[in-house]
Amino acid sequence: MTTRRVRLLCLRHGESENVVAGAAGALPLAELTANGQTQAAEAAELLRAEGITRIYASTALRARQTAEIIAHVLGPAEVVTLPGLVEMGVGGLEGATDPATRARTAEVLRAWIVDGRLDEAVADGEDGHAVAARVVAALASIATAHPGETVALVGHVGSLTVGLSALCGLGRQVWGAPLPHAVPFPVEWDGRSWRCPSWPGLLQER
């Protein structure tokens, strides 16, 4: 009998131009830096022996570039993009680099992740309900499509953290430990519930 257990090896994209610039928002055209390309190649080596059958990525360029570098190393793995995995939107403040926008973005993320106040939003951007719902839906679609398999997923620090917090009840446990660039970590679906057994730099396997 084929097990329904699905293993997702999730990671944030490699370092990108928007991160270096401190720019807020989804920024779909921001590219990987040279350092980000190296990080993606290093992540691929970590994933080489995992038996990955497909690689999912946000539609943002930096996530697609990360996934394509990984796919090049792994060989047969196909890259599929999912709009639901994009970074949180901040509306009219998209691309802003001022300290006030950065502070407000951090404040909203804390409200979502730690306090569960999903009605909050940065300016006229997405609220936490919208971000969590689309990421959860994307992960559910992946799990449905890959019973018994291991797949990789390239996402973004904000949206991925919010979505996984909703699925695994992480919340306060992961606040203060933002996902590093291109470090894979496991997320599991057993056919009934989700499990996030570890978080880079914070949670130990349990």
N, C-alpha and C. Protein backbone atom coordinates (compact mmCIF):
# COMPACT_ATOMS: atom_id res chain seq x y z
N MET A 1 0.84 -1.20 0.00
CA MET A 1 0.00 0.00 0.00
C MET A 1 0.88 1.26 0.00
N THR A 2 0.61 2.21 -0.88
CA THR A 2 1.40 3.42 -0.98
C THR A 2 1.05 4.38 0.15
N THR A 3 2.07 4.84 0.86
CA THR A 3 1.83 5.79 1.94
C THR A 3 1.43 7.14 1.38
N ARG A 4 0.62 7.86 2.13
CA ARG A 4 0.20 9.19 1.71
C ARG A 4 1.15 10.25 2.24
N ARG A 5 2.16 9.86 2.98
CA ARG A 5 3.07 10.83 3.57
C ARG A 5 3.82 11.60 2.47
N VAL A 6 3.80 12.92 2.59
CA VAL A 6 4.50 13.78 1.65
C VAL A 6 5.54 14.58 2.43
N ARG A 7 6.73 14.66 1.89
CA ARG A 7 7.80 15.42 2.53
C ARG A 7 8.17 16.59 1.65
N LEU A 8 8.01 17.79 2.17
CA LEU A 8 8.40 19.00 1.47
C LEU A 8 9.69 19.52 2.08
N LEU A 9 10.69 19.71 1.25
CA LEU A 9 11.92 20.33 1.70
C LEU A 9 11.86 21.79 1.27
N CYS A 10 11.53 22.65 2.23
CA CYS A 10 11.26 24.06 1.95
C CYS A 10 12.51 24.89 2.14
N LEU A 11 12.60 25.97 1.40
CA LEU A 11 13.68 26.92 1.61
C LEU A 11 13.29 28.29 1.09
N ARG A 12 13.88 29.29 1.70
CA ARG A 12 13.77 30.65 1.19
C ARG A 12 14.71 30.76 -0.02
N HIS A 13 14.37 31.60 -0.98
CA HIS A 13 15.24 31.84 -2.13
C HIS A 13 16.61 32.33 -1.68
N GLY A 14 17.59 32.28 -2.59
CA GLY A 14 18.90 32.83 -2.30
C GLY A 14 18.86 34.35 -2.16
N GLU A 15 19.95 34.90 -1.67
CA GLU A 15 20.03 36.36 -1.51
C GLU A 15 19.69 37.05 -2.83
N SER A 16 18.91 38.12 -2.74
CA SER A 16 18.44 38.81 -3.95
C SER A 16 18.61 40.31 -3.83
N GLU A 17 18.45 41.00 -4.97
CA GLU A 17 18.68 42.43 -5.03
C GLU A 17 17.78 43.22 -4.08
N ASN A 18 16.52 42.79 -3.95
CA ASN A 18 15.60 43.51 -3.07
C ASN A 18 16.01 43.40 -1.61
N VAL A 19 16.56 42.25 -1.24
CA VAL A 19 17.00 42.05 0.15
C VAL A 19 18.20 42.96 0.44
N VAL A 20 19.14 43.01 -0.48
CA VAL A 20 20.32 43.86 -0.30
C VAL A 20 19.92 45.33 -0.20
N ALA A 21 18.90 45.71 -0.99
CA ALA A 21 18.44 47.10 -0.98
C ALA A 21 17.51 47.41 0.18
N GLY A 22 17.03 46.38 0.88
CA GLY A 22 16.08 46.60 1.97
C GLY A 22 14.72 47.02 1.48
N ALA A 23 14.33 46.56 0.28
CA ALA A 23 13.06 46.96 -0.32
C ALA A 23 11.93 46.07 0.13
N ALA A 24 10.77 46.67 0.40
CA ALA A 24 9.61 45.94 0.90
C ALA A 24 8.73 45.44 -0.23
N GLY A 25 8.00 44.35 0.03
CA GLY A 25 6.98 43.89 -0.90
C GLY A 25 7.33 42.65 -1.69
N ALA A 26 6.44 42.29 -2.62
CA ALA A 26 6.60 41.06 -3.38
C ALA A 26 7.68 41.17 -4.44
N LEU A 27 7.81 42.32 -5.08
CA LEU A 27 8.89 42.62 -6.03
C LEU A 27 9.21 41.44 -6.95
N PRO A 28 8.30 41.11 -7.86
CA PRO A 28 8.43 39.90 -8.66
C PRO A 28 9.62 39.84 -9.60
N LEU A 29 10.23 41.00 -9.91
CA LEU A 29 11.33 41.00 -10.88
C LEU A 29 12.71 41.11 -10.25
N ALA A 30 12.79 41.11 -8.93
CA ALA A 30 14.09 41.19 -8.26
C ALA A 30 14.88 39.90 -8.51
N GLU A 31 16.13 40.06 -8.91
CA GLU A 31 16.98 38.92 -9.26
C GLU A 31 17.87 38.48 -8.10
N LEU A 32 18.40 37.27 -8.22
CA LEU A 32 19.40 36.81 -7.27
C LEU A 32 20.69 37.62 -7.46
N THR A 33 21.40 37.84 -6.37
CA THR A 33 22.75 38.38 -6.46
C THR A 33 23.70 37.23 -6.79
N ALA A 34 24.95 37.56 -7.04
CA ALA A 34 25.95 36.50 -7.28
C ALA A 34 26.05 35.60 -6.05
N ASN A 35 25.98 36.21 -4.87
CA ASN A 35 26.02 35.42 -3.64
C ASN A 35 24.80 34.52 -3.54
N GLY A 36 23.64 35.02 -3.96
CA GLY A 36 22.43 34.22 -3.95
C GLY A 36 22.51 33.03 -4.88
N GLN A 37 23.15 33.20 -6.01
CA GLN A 37 23.34 32.08 -6.94
C GLN A 37 24.22 31.00 -6.31
N THR A 38 25.26 31.43 -5.61
CA THR A 38 26.13 30.47 -4.91
C THR A 38 25.35 29.74 -3.82
N GLN A 39 24.53 30.48 -3.08
CA GLN A 39 23.73 29.86 -2.02
C GLN A 39 22.78 28.81 -2.60
N ALA A 40 22.16 29.11 -3.74
CA ALA A 40 21.25 28.16 -4.37
C ALA A 40 21.99 26.89 -4.79
N ALA A 41 23.19 27.05 -5.33
CA ALA A 41 23.99 25.88 -5.72
C ALA A 41 24.37 25.03 -4.50
N GLU A 42 24.66 25.69 -3.39
CA GLU A 42 24.99 24.96 -2.16
C GLU A 42 23.77 24.22 -1.63
N ALA A 43 22.60 24.85 -1.73
CA ALA A 43 21.37 24.18 -1.31
C ALA A 43 21.12 22.95 -2.17
N ALA A 44 21.40 23.05 -3.46
CA ALA A 44 21.22 21.91 -4.36
C ALA A 44 22.05 20.72 -3.93
N GLU A 45 23.26 20.98 -3.49
CA GLU A 45 24.11 19.88 -3.02
C GLU A 45 23.51 19.21 -1.79
N LEU A 46 22.90 20.00 -0.91
CA LEU A 46 22.27 19.44 0.27
C LEU A 46 21.07 18.58 -0.10
N LEU A 47 20.43 18.92 -1.21
CA LEU A 47 19.21 18.22 -1.63
C LEU A 47 19.49 17.05 -2.59
N ARG A 48 20.72 16.91 -3.02
CA ARG A 48 21.05 15.96 -4.08
C ARG A 48 20.60 14.54 -3.78
N ALA A 49 20.74 14.11 -2.53
CA ALA A 49 20.46 12.71 -2.19
C ALA A 49 19.04 12.49 -1.67
N GLU A 50 18.17 13.48 -1.78
CA GLU A 50 16.85 13.40 -1.16
C GLU A 50 15.78 12.75 -2.03
N GLY A 51 16.09 12.42 -3.27
CA GLY A 51 15.09 11.79 -4.13
C GLY A 51 13.95 12.70 -4.51
N ILE A 52 14.24 13.97 -4.74
CA ILE A 52 13.21 14.96 -5.06
C ILE A 52 12.64 14.71 -6.45
N THR A 53 11.31 14.68 -6.53
CA THR A 53 10.65 14.40 -7.80
C THR A 53 10.18 15.67 -8.52
N ARG A 54 10.02 16.76 -7.80
CA ARG A 54 9.59 18.02 -8.41
C ARG A 54 10.01 19.17 -7.52
N ILE A 55 10.22 20.32 -8.13
CA ILE A 55 10.57 21.53 -7.39
C ILE A 55 9.49 22.57 -7.64
N TYR A 56 8.89 23.08 -6.58
CA TYR A 56 7.90 24.14 -6.67
C TYR A 56 8.54 25.46 -6.26
N ALA A 57 8.09 26.53 -6.89
CA ALA A 57 8.63 27.85 -6.57
C ALA A 57 7.57 28.91 -6.74
N SER A 58 7.73 29.99 -6.00
CA SER A 58 6.97 31.21 -6.23
C SER A 58 7.21 31.66 -7.67
N THR A 59 6.29 32.44 -8.20
CA THR A 59 6.46 32.98 -9.55
C THR A 59 7.48 34.13 -9.60
N ALA A 60 7.91 34.63 -8.45
CA ALA A 60 8.90 35.71 -8.42
C ALA A 60 10.22 35.24 -9.03
N LEU A 61 10.89 36.12 -9.72
CA LEU A 61 12.12 35.77 -10.45
C LEU A 61 13.17 35.16 -9.53
N ARG A 62 13.39 35.74 -8.36
CA ARG A 62 14.43 35.25 -7.46
C ARG A 62 14.16 33.82 -7.00
N ALA A 63 12.88 33.48 -6.80
CA ALA A 63 12.53 32.11 -6.41
C ALA A 63 12.69 31.16 -7.58
N ARG A 64 12.29 31.60 -8.78
CA ARG A 64 12.44 30.75 -9.96
C ARG A 64 13.92 30.51 -10.27
N GLN A 65 14.74 31.54 -10.14
CA GLN A 65 16.17 31.37 -10.38
C GLN A 65 16.77 30.38 -9.40
N THR A 66 16.38 30.47 -8.14
CA THR A 66 16.86 29.53 -7.13
C THR A 66 16.46 28.10 -7.49
N ALA A 67 15.19 27.93 -7.84
CA ALA A 67 14.69 26.60 -8.20
C ALA A 67 15.37 26.04 -9.44
N GLU A 68 15.64 26.90 -10.42
CA GLU A 68 16.27 26.44 -11.65
C GLU A 68 17.72 26.00 -11.42
N ILE A 69 18.42 26.71 -10.54
CA ILE A 69 19.78 26.31 -10.19
C ILE A 69 19.76 24.95 -9.51
N ILE A 70 18.82 24.75 -8.60
CA ILE A 70 18.69 23.47 -7.92
C ILE A 70 18.34 22.37 -8.91
N ALA A 71 17.41 22.65 -9.81
CA ALA A 71 17.00 21.65 -10.81
C ALA A 71 18.15 21.27 -11.72
N HIS A 72 18.99 22.22 -12.06
CA HIS A 72 20.15 21.94 -12.92
C HIS A 72 21.08 20.93 -12.27
N VAL A 73 21.24 21.06 -10.95
CA VAL A 73 22.11 20.13 -10.22
C VAL A 73 21.44 18.77 -10.05
N LEU A 74 20.15 18.78 -9.74
CA LEU A 74 19.45 17.52 -9.45
C LEU A 74 19.13 16.72 -10.71
N GLY A 75 19.06 17.38 -11.85
CA GLY A 75 18.83 16.66 -13.09
C GLY A 75 17.38 16.55 -13.48
N PRO A 76 16.70 15.43 -13.15
CA PRO A 76 15.37 15.20 -13.70
C PRO A 76 14.24 15.98 -13.04
N ALA A 77 14.48 16.66 -11.94
CA ALA A 77 13.41 17.35 -11.23
C ALA A 77 12.85 18.51 -12.05
N GLU A 78 11.54 18.56 -12.17
CA GLU A 78 10.85 19.61 -12.92
C GLU A 78 10.54 20.79 -12.00
N VAL A 79 10.62 22.01 -12.53
CA VAL A 79 10.27 23.20 -11.77
C VAL A 79 8.86 23.64 -12.15
N VAL A 80 8.00 23.81 -11.14
CA VAL A 80 6.63 24.27 -11.34
C VAL A 80 6.42 25.52 -10.48
N THR A 81 5.88 26.57 -11.06
CA THR A 81 5.65 27.80 -10.30
C THR A 81 4.21 27.87 -9.80
N LEU A 82 4.05 28.43 -8.60
CA LEU A 82 2.73 28.60 -7.99
C LEU A 82 2.59 30.04 -7.50
N PRO A 83 1.63 30.78 -8.03
CA PRO A 83 1.42 32.16 -7.59
C PRO A 83 1.14 32.29 -6.09
N GLY A 84 0.54 31.26 -5.50
CA GLY A 84 0.21 31.32 -4.09
C GLY A 84 1.39 31.41 -3.16
N LEU A 85 2.59 31.15 -3.68
CA LEU A 85 3.79 31.16 -2.84
C LEU A 85 4.52 32.51 -2.83
N VAL A 86 3.99 33.52 -3.54
CA VAL A 86 4.71 34.80 -3.62
C VAL A 86 4.78 35.48 -2.25
N GLU A 87 5.67 36.45 -2.14
CA GLU A 87 5.85 37.17 -0.89
C GLU A 87 4.64 38.06 -0.59
N MET A 88 4.47 38.44 0.67
CA MET A 88 3.38 39.30 1.08
C MET A 88 3.41 40.63 0.32
N GLY A 89 2.23 41.10 -0.09
CA GLY A 89 2.14 42.36 -0.80
C GLY A 89 1.93 43.53 0.16
N VAL A 90 2.53 44.67 -0.18
CA VAL A 90 2.41 45.85 0.69
C VAL A 90 1.76 47.02 -0.05
N GLY A 91 1.01 46.72 -1.10
CA GLY A 91 0.24 47.74 -1.81
C GLY A 91 1.09 48.87 -2.36
N GLY A 92 0.68 50.08 -2.06
CA GLY A 92 1.35 51.26 -2.59
C GLY A 92 2.76 51.46 -2.07
N LEU A 93 3.16 50.72 -1.06
CA LEU A 93 4.53 50.84 -0.53
C LEU A 93 5.49 49.84 -1.16
N GLU A 94 5.03 49.14 -2.19
CA GLU A 94 5.88 48.18 -2.88
C GLU A 94 7.20 48.82 -3.31
N GLY A 95 8.31 48.20 -2.89
CA GLY A 95 9.63 48.69 -3.25
C GLY A 95 10.19 49.75 -2.33
N ALA A 96 9.42 50.20 -1.33
CA ALA A 96 9.90 51.25 -0.41
C ALA A 96 11.08 50.74 0.41
N THR A 97 12.03 51.62 0.67
CA THR A 97 13.23 51.24 1.43
C THR A 97 13.41 52.08 2.71
N ASP A 98 12.43 52.90 3.03
CA ASP A 98 12.57 53.77 4.20
C ASP A 98 12.40 53.00 5.50
N PRO A 99 13.02 53.48 6.57
CA PRO A 99 12.94 52.79 7.87
C PRO A 99 11.52 52.61 8.38
N ALA A 100 10.65 53.56 8.12
CA ALA A 100 9.27 53.46 8.62
C ALA A 100 8.53 52.28 7.99
N THR A 101 8.73 52.06 6.70
CA THR A 101 8.09 50.94 6.03
C THR A 101 8.65 49.61 6.53
N ARG A 102 9.95 49.56 6.71
CA ARG A 102 10.55 48.33 7.24
C ARG A 102 10.03 48.03 8.64
N ALA A 103 9.90 49.06 9.46
CA ALA A 103 9.39 48.88 10.82
C ALA A 103 7.93 48.42 10.81
N ARG A 104 7.14 49.01 9.93
CA ARG A 104 5.72 48.62 9.84
C ARG A 104 5.59 47.19 9.34
N THR A 105 6.41 46.80 8.38
CA THR A 105 6.38 45.43 7.88
C THR A 105 6.69 44.43 8.98
N ALA A 106 7.72 44.72 9.78
CA ALA A 106 8.07 43.84 10.89
C ALA A 106 6.94 43.79 11.92
N GLU A 107 6.32 44.94 12.17
CA GLU A 107 5.20 45.01 13.12
C GLU A 107 4.03 44.15 12.66
N VAL A 108 3.71 44.22 11.37
CA VAL A 108 2.60 43.43 10.84
C VAL A 108 2.92 41.94 10.87
N LEU A 109 4.13 41.58 10.50
CA LEU A 109 4.51 40.16 10.56
C LEU A 109 4.42 39.62 11.98
N ARG A 110 4.84 40.42 12.94
CA ARG A 110 4.73 39.98 14.33
C ARG A 110 3.27 39.81 14.74
N ALA A 111 2.43 40.73 14.31
CA ALA A 111 1.00 40.62 14.63
C ALA A 111 0.43 39.32 14.06
N TRP A 112 0.80 38.98 12.83
CA TRP A 112 0.31 37.76 12.20
C TRP A 112 0.84 36.51 12.88
N ILE A 113 2.17 36.45 13.03
CA ILE A 113 2.83 35.22 13.45
C ILE A 113 2.73 34.99 14.96
N VAL A 114 2.96 36.01 15.73
CA VAL A 114 3.01 35.85 17.20
C VAL A 114 1.63 36.03 17.83
N ASP A 115 0.92 37.07 17.42
CA ASP A 115 -0.35 37.42 18.07
C ASP A 115 -1.57 36.85 17.38
N GLY A 116 -1.42 36.35 16.17
CA GLY A 116 -2.57 35.82 15.44
C GLY A 116 -3.54 36.88 14.97
N ARG A 117 -3.09 38.13 14.89
CA ARG A 117 -3.95 39.23 14.45
C ARG A 117 -3.82 39.38 12.93
N LEU A 118 -4.56 38.56 12.21
CA LEU A 118 -4.41 38.49 10.76
C LEU A 118 -5.10 39.62 10.01
N ASP A 119 -5.85 40.46 10.70
CA ASP A 119 -6.51 41.59 10.04
C ASP A 119 -5.52 42.71 9.70
N GLU A 120 -4.35 42.69 10.31
CA GLU A 120 -3.35 43.74 10.08
C GLU A 120 -2.81 43.67 8.65
N ALA A 121 -2.36 44.82 8.12
CA ALA A 121 -1.76 44.88 6.79
C ALA A 121 -0.79 46.05 6.74
N VAL A 122 0.15 45.97 5.81
CA VAL A 122 1.05 47.10 5.55
C VAL A 122 0.38 47.97 4.50
N ALA A 123 0.07 49.20 4.86
CA ALA A 123 -0.62 50.14 3.97
C ALA A 123 -1.87 49.48 3.39
N ASP A 124 -2.02 49.50 2.07
CA ASP A 124 -3.18 48.90 1.43
C ASP A 124 -2.86 47.52 0.85
N GLY A 125 -1.87 46.87 1.45
CA GLY A 125 -1.46 45.55 0.99
C GLY A 125 -2.31 44.43 1.56
N GLU A 126 -1.84 43.20 1.38
CA GLU A 126 -2.57 42.02 1.84
C GLU A 126 -2.64 41.94 3.36
N ASP A 127 -3.74 41.42 3.87
CA ASP A 127 -3.77 41.11 5.29
C ASP A 127 -3.31 39.67 5.50
N GLY A 128 -3.17 39.29 6.76
CA GLY A 128 -2.65 37.96 7.07
C GLY A 128 -3.56 36.83 6.64
N HIS A 129 -4.86 37.09 6.63
CA HIS A 129 -5.81 36.06 6.19
C HIS A 129 -5.52 35.67 4.74
N ALA A 130 -5.30 36.69 3.89
CA ALA A 130 -5.07 36.44 2.47
C ALA A 130 -3.75 35.70 2.25
N VAL A 131 -2.71 36.13 2.94
CA VAL A 131 -1.40 35.50 2.75
C VAL A 131 -1.42 34.05 3.23
N ALA A 132 -1.92 33.84 4.44
CA ALA A 132 -1.97 32.48 4.99
C ALA A 132 -2.81 31.57 4.11
N ALA A 133 -3.96 32.06 3.66
CA ALA A 133 -4.87 31.22 2.87
C ALA A 133 -4.24 30.77 1.57
N ARG A 134 -3.54 31.66 0.87
CA ARG A 134 -2.98 31.26 -0.42
C ARG A 134 -1.78 30.33 -0.26
N VAL A 135 -0.98 30.55 0.78
CA VAL A 135 0.16 29.64 1.00
C VAL A 135 -0.34 28.26 1.43
N VAL A 136 -1.30 28.23 2.33
CA VAL A 136 -1.87 26.94 2.77
C VAL A 136 -2.49 26.20 1.58
N ALA A 137 -3.20 26.92 0.73
CA ALA A 137 -3.81 26.28 -0.44
C ALA A 137 -2.74 25.72 -1.37
N ALA A 138 -1.66 26.45 -1.56
CA ALA A 138 -0.57 25.97 -2.42
C ALA A 138 0.05 24.70 -1.86
N LEU A 139 0.31 24.68 -0.56
CA LEU A 139 0.90 23.49 0.05
C LEU A 139 -0.05 22.30 0.00
N ALA A 140 -1.33 22.56 0.18
CA ALA A 140 -2.33 21.49 0.11
C ALA A 140 -2.37 20.89 -1.29
N SER A 141 -2.26 21.73 -2.31
CA SER A 141 -2.28 21.23 -3.68
C SER A 141 -1.05 20.38 -3.97
N ILE A 142 0.09 20.77 -3.42
CA ILE A 142 1.31 19.98 -3.59
C ILE A 142 1.17 18.62 -2.92
N ALA A 143 0.67 18.63 -1.69
CA ALA A 143 0.50 17.37 -0.96
C ALA A 143 -0.44 16.42 -1.69
N THR A 144 -1.51 16.96 -2.25
CA THR A 144 -2.47 16.13 -2.99
C THR A 144 -1.83 15.51 -4.22
N ALA A 145 -0.94 16.25 -4.86
CA ALA A 145 -0.33 15.79 -6.11
C ALA A 145 0.82 14.82 -5.92
N HIS A 146 1.35 14.70 -4.69
CA HIS A 146 2.58 13.91 -4.51
C HIS A 146 2.52 12.93 -3.33
N PRO A 147 1.52 12.09 -3.26
CA PRO A 147 1.49 11.12 -2.16
C PRO A 147 2.71 10.20 -2.20
N GLY A 148 3.36 10.08 -1.04
CA GLY A 148 4.50 9.19 -0.93
C GLY A 148 5.79 9.73 -1.51
N GLU A 149 5.82 11.01 -1.88
CA GLU A 149 7.01 11.57 -2.54
C GLU A 149 7.68 12.65 -1.70
N THR A 150 8.87 13.04 -2.15
CA THR A 150 9.60 14.16 -1.57
C THR A 150 9.76 15.22 -2.64
N VAL A 151 9.35 16.44 -2.33
CA VAL A 151 9.47 17.55 -3.28
C VAL A 151 10.17 18.71 -2.58
N ALA A 152 10.70 19.63 -3.38
CA ALA A 152 11.31 20.84 -2.83
C ALA A 152 10.40 22.03 -3.11
N LEU A 153 10.50 23.05 -2.27
CA LEU A 153 9.66 24.24 -2.41
C LEU A 153 10.50 25.47 -2.10
N VAL A 154 10.53 26.42 -3.04
CA VAL A 154 11.28 27.66 -2.85
C VAL A 154 10.29 28.81 -2.66
N GLY A 155 10.33 29.42 -1.50
CA GLY A 155 9.41 30.50 -1.18
C GLY A 155 10.12 31.73 -0.64
N HIS A 156 9.40 32.47 0.21
CA HIS A 156 9.87 33.76 0.72
C HIS A 156 9.74 33.80 2.24
N VAL A 157 10.54 34.63 2.85
CA VAL A 157 10.64 34.63 4.30
C VAL A 157 9.30 34.96 4.98
N GLY A 158 8.59 35.98 4.51
CA GLY A 158 7.36 36.39 5.17
C GLY A 158 6.21 35.44 4.92
N SER A 159 5.88 35.23 3.65
CA SER A 159 4.71 34.41 3.32
C SER A 159 4.89 32.96 3.74
N LEU A 160 6.09 32.42 3.59
CA LEU A 160 6.31 31.03 3.98
C LEU A 160 6.18 30.86 5.50
N THR A 161 6.70 31.82 6.25
CA THR A 161 6.59 31.75 7.71
C THR A 161 5.14 31.85 8.16
N VAL A 162 4.39 32.75 7.54
CA VAL A 162 2.98 32.91 7.91
C VAL A 162 2.19 31.65 7.58
N GLY A 163 2.40 31.11 6.39
CA GLY A 163 1.67 29.90 5.99
C GLY A 163 1.99 28.71 6.85
N LEU A 164 3.27 28.50 7.14
CA LEU A 164 3.66 27.35 7.96
C LEU A 164 3.26 27.53 9.41
N SER A 165 3.23 28.77 9.87
CA SER A 165 2.73 29.02 11.23
C SER A 165 1.27 28.62 11.34
N ALA A 166 0.50 28.91 10.29
CA ALA A 166 -0.92 28.54 10.28
C ALA A 166 -1.09 27.03 10.26
N LEU A 167 -0.27 26.34 9.50
CA LEU A 167 -0.39 24.88 9.37
C LEU A 167 0.13 24.13 10.59
N CYS A 168 1.25 24.61 11.14
CA CYS A 168 1.94 23.85 12.19
C CYS A 168 1.86 24.49 13.57
N GLY A 169 1.18 25.64 13.68
CA GLY A 169 1.07 26.29 14.98
C GLY A 169 2.39 26.76 15.53
N LEU A 170 3.27 27.28 14.68
CA LEU A 170 4.60 27.67 15.13
C LEU A 170 4.58 28.96 15.94
N GLY A 171 4.02 30.01 15.36
CA GLY A 171 3.86 31.26 16.09
C GLY A 171 5.10 31.79 16.77
N ARG A 172 4.98 32.01 18.07
CA ARG A 172 6.03 32.64 18.86
C ARG A 172 7.35 31.86 18.80
N GLN A 173 7.28 30.55 18.57
CA GLN A 173 8.49 29.73 18.53
C GLN A 173 9.49 30.19 17.48
N VAL A 174 8.99 30.71 16.35
CA VAL A 174 9.90 31.06 15.26
C VAL A 174 10.13 32.57 15.13
N TRP A 175 9.42 33.36 15.93
CA TRP A 175 9.63 34.80 15.84
C TRP A 175 11.04 35.14 16.32
N GLY A 176 11.73 35.98 15.58
CA GLY A 176 13.10 36.32 15.92
C GLY A 176 14.11 35.42 15.25
N ALA A 177 13.64 34.44 14.49
CA ALA A 177 14.53 33.54 13.75
C ALA A 177 14.08 33.50 12.30
N PRO A 178 14.27 34.60 11.56
CA PRO A 178 13.83 34.63 10.16
C PRO A 178 14.57 33.58 9.33
N LEU A 179 13.88 33.02 8.37
CA LEU A 179 14.49 31.99 7.54
C LEU A 179 15.74 32.54 6.84
N PRO A 180 16.86 31.85 6.95
CA PRO A 180 18.06 32.27 6.21
C PRO A 180 17.89 31.94 4.73
N HIS A 181 18.71 32.50 3.91
CA HIS A 181 18.63 32.23 2.49
C HIS A 181 19.08 30.80 2.15
N ALA A 182 18.25 30.11 1.38
CA ALA A 182 18.61 28.84 0.75
C ALA A 182 19.09 27.76 1.72
N VAL A 183 18.40 27.64 2.85
CA VAL A 183 18.69 26.56 3.80
C VAL A 183 17.46 25.65 3.88
N PRO A 184 17.52 24.44 3.32
CA PRO A 184 16.35 23.56 3.30
C PRO A 184 15.97 23.05 4.69
N PHE A 185 14.66 22.90 4.90
CA PHE A 185 14.16 22.31 6.14
C PHE A 185 12.89 21.53 5.81
N PRO A 186 12.59 20.46 6.58
CA PRO A 186 11.47 19.59 6.23
C PRO A 186 10.12 20.06 6.77
N VAL A 187 9.09 19.85 5.97
CA VAL A 187 7.70 20.02 6.37
C VAL A 187 6.98 18.76 5.90
N GLU A 188 6.18 18.14 6.77
CA GLU A 188 5.61 16.84 6.45
C GLU A 188 4.09 16.82 6.53
N TRP A 189 3.48 16.08 5.61
CA TRP A 189 2.03 15.84 5.59
C TRP A 189 1.82 14.34 5.67
N ASP A 190 1.08 13.87 6.67
CA ASP A 190 0.90 12.43 6.85
C ASP A 190 -0.46 11.93 6.35
N GLY A 191 -1.16 12.77 5.61
CA GLY A 191 -2.48 12.41 5.13
C GLY A 191 -3.59 12.94 6.01
N ARG A 192 -3.23 13.42 7.19
CA ARG A 192 -4.23 13.96 8.13
C ARG A 192 -3.85 15.33 8.68
N SER A 193 -2.56 15.53 8.90
CA SER A 193 -2.11 16.79 9.50
C SER A 193 -0.70 17.13 9.04
N TRP A 194 -0.35 18.42 9.23
CA TRP A 194 0.97 18.92 8.88
C TRP A 194 1.90 18.92 10.10
N ARG A 195 3.16 18.75 9.85
CA ARG A 195 4.17 18.76 10.91
C ARG A 195 5.39 19.52 10.42
N CYS A 196 5.87 20.44 11.24
CA CYS A 196 7.10 21.20 10.94
C CYS A 196 8.12 20.83 12.01
N PRO A 197 8.89 19.77 11.80
CA PRO A 197 9.75 19.25 12.85
C PRO A 197 10.96 20.09 13.19
N SER A 198 11.34 21.01 12.31
CA SER A 198 12.51 21.84 12.60
C SER A 198 12.41 23.18 11.89
N TRP A 199 13.21 24.12 12.33
CA TRP A 199 13.25 25.45 11.74
C TRP A 199 14.71 25.88 11.74
N PRO A 200 15.25 26.31 10.61
CA PRO A 200 16.68 26.64 10.55
C PRO A 200 17.13 27.58 11.66
N GLY A 201 18.12 27.13 12.42
CA GLY A 201 18.69 27.95 13.46
C GLY A 201 17.91 28.04 14.74
N LEU A 202 16.79 27.30 14.83
CA LEU A 202 15.96 27.44 16.02
C LEU A 202 15.46 26.12 16.56
N LEU A 203 14.46 25.53 15.90
CA LEU A 203 13.86 24.30 16.41
C LEU A 203 14.69 23.09 16.05
N GLN A 204 14.85 22.20 16.98
CA GLN A 204 15.53 20.93 16.73
C GLN A 204 14.53 19.91 16.26
N GLU A 205 15.01 18.90 15.57
CA GLU A 205 14.14 17.81 15.12
C GLU A 205 13.41 17.22 16.32
N ARG A 206 12.11 17.00 16.17
CA ARG A 206 11.36 16.49 17.31
C ARG A 206 10.35 15.44 16.86
